[in-house]
């Protein structure tokens, strides 16, 4: 059991040191390569959506639970991306 844990720590340590220059994209589970333009586009879309939900709530005062849930979700998403 100890050898398994030691081997697992070594693998995790190697993965922490992995970057695009060292590791090929084939080692990625999703074959995902980070793209700044795509991430900026999604950030802009989610920001516009957040402002739209806040504006809708501000003008209509309807859907409080939905608006709070959407604002919390988008806030959590932004905090994980940054």
Protein backbone atom coordinates (compact mmCIF):
# COMPACT_ATOMS: atom_id res chain seq x y z
CA UNK A 1 0.00 0.00 0.00
CA UNK A 2 2.83 2.42 0.80
CA UNK A 3 4.42 1.89 -2.62
CA UNK A 4 1.12 2.77 -4.30
CA UNK A 5 0.87 6.02 -2.35
CA UNK A 6 4.48 6.90 -3.09
CA UNK A 7 3.93 6.24 -6.78
CA UNK A 8 0.76 8.32 -6.73
CA UNK A 9 2.53 11.26 -5.08
CA UNK A 10 5.22 11.10 -7.72
CA UNK A 11 2.64 11.13 -10.50
CA UNK A 12 0.82 14.07 -8.94
CA UNK A 13 4.07 15.96 -8.52
CA UNK A 14 4.92 15.33 -12.16
CA UNK A 15 1.50 16.58 -13.27
CA UNK A 16 1.93 19.77 -11.25
CA UNK A 17 5.14 20.48 -13.16
CA UNK A 18 3.48 19.80 -16.52
CA UNK A 19 2.91 22.74 -18.85
CA UNK A 20 2.28 23.19 -22.57
CA UNK A 21 6.00 23.25 -23.38
CA UNK A 22 6.80 20.00 -21.56
CA UNK A 23 3.69 17.82 -21.84
CA UNK A 24 1.92 17.09 -25.12
CA UNK A 25 -1.79 17.85 -25.45
CA UNK A 26 -2.45 14.09 -25.64
CA UNK A 27 -1.85 13.83 -21.88
CA UNK A 28 -4.85 16.08 -21.23
CA UNK A 29 -8.13 14.39 -20.42
CA UNK A 30 -10.22 16.77 -22.53
CA UNK A 31 -7.51 17.73 -25.06
CA UNK A 32 -8.21 21.31 -24.04
CA UNK A 33 -5.72 24.03 -24.83
CA UNK A 34 -6.32 27.31 -22.99
CA UNK A 35 -7.31 30.11 -25.35
CA UNK A 36 -7.32 33.67 -24.03
CA UNK A 37 -9.65 34.98 -26.73
CA UNK A 38 -12.29 32.32 -26.04
CA UNK A 39 -12.08 32.85 -22.28
CA UNK A 40 -12.37 36.62 -22.70
CA UNK A 41 -15.43 36.12 -24.92
CA UNK A 42 -17.12 33.90 -22.34
CA UNK A 43 -16.27 36.38 -19.59
CA UNK A 44 -17.86 39.19 -21.62
CA UNK A 45 -20.99 37.11 -22.31
CA UNK A 46 -21.40 36.11 -18.67
CA UNK A 47 -20.83 39.71 -17.57
CA UNK A 48 -23.50 40.97 -19.98
CA UNK A 49 -25.84 38.26 -18.74
CA UNK A 50 -25.17 39.21 -15.12
CA UNK A 51 -25.87 42.87 -15.84
CA UNK A 52 -29.05 41.87 -17.66
CA UNK A 53 -30.31 39.80 -14.73
CA UNK A 54 -29.53 42.59 -12.28
CA UNK A 55 -31.22 45.19 -14.51
CA UNK A 56 -34.30 42.98 -14.93
CA UNK A 57 -34.56 42.54 -11.19
CA UNK A 58 -34.02 46.26 -10.62
CA UNK A 59 -36.78 47.28 -13.02
CA UNK A 60 -39.37 44.60 -12.31
CA UNK A 61 -38.59 43.39 -8.76
CA UNK A 62 -39.68 39.93 -9.88
CA UNK A 63 -37.87 36.66 -9.63
CA UNK A 64 -35.81 37.41 -6.53
CA UNK A 65 -34.81 33.78 -5.91
CA UNK A 66 -33.82 33.25 -9.54
CA UNK A 67 -31.83 36.49 -9.68
CA UNK A 68 -29.99 35.75 -6.44
CA UNK A 69 -29.16 32.23 -7.65
CA UNK A 70 -27.87 33.52 -11.01
CA UNK A 71 -25.78 36.27 -9.39
CA UNK A 72 -24.24 33.81 -6.92
CA UNK A 73 -23.53 31.31 -9.70
CA UNK A 74 -21.86 33.90 -11.94
CA UNK A 75 -19.89 35.29 -9.03
CA UNK A 76 -18.60 31.80 -8.22
CA UNK A 77 -17.74 31.25 -11.87
CA UNK A 78 -15.77 34.51 -12.06
CA UNK A 79 -13.88 33.73 -8.87
CA UNK A 80 -12.86 30.30 -10.19
CA UNK A 81 -11.66 31.74 -13.50
CA UNK A 82 -9.48 34.42 -12.03
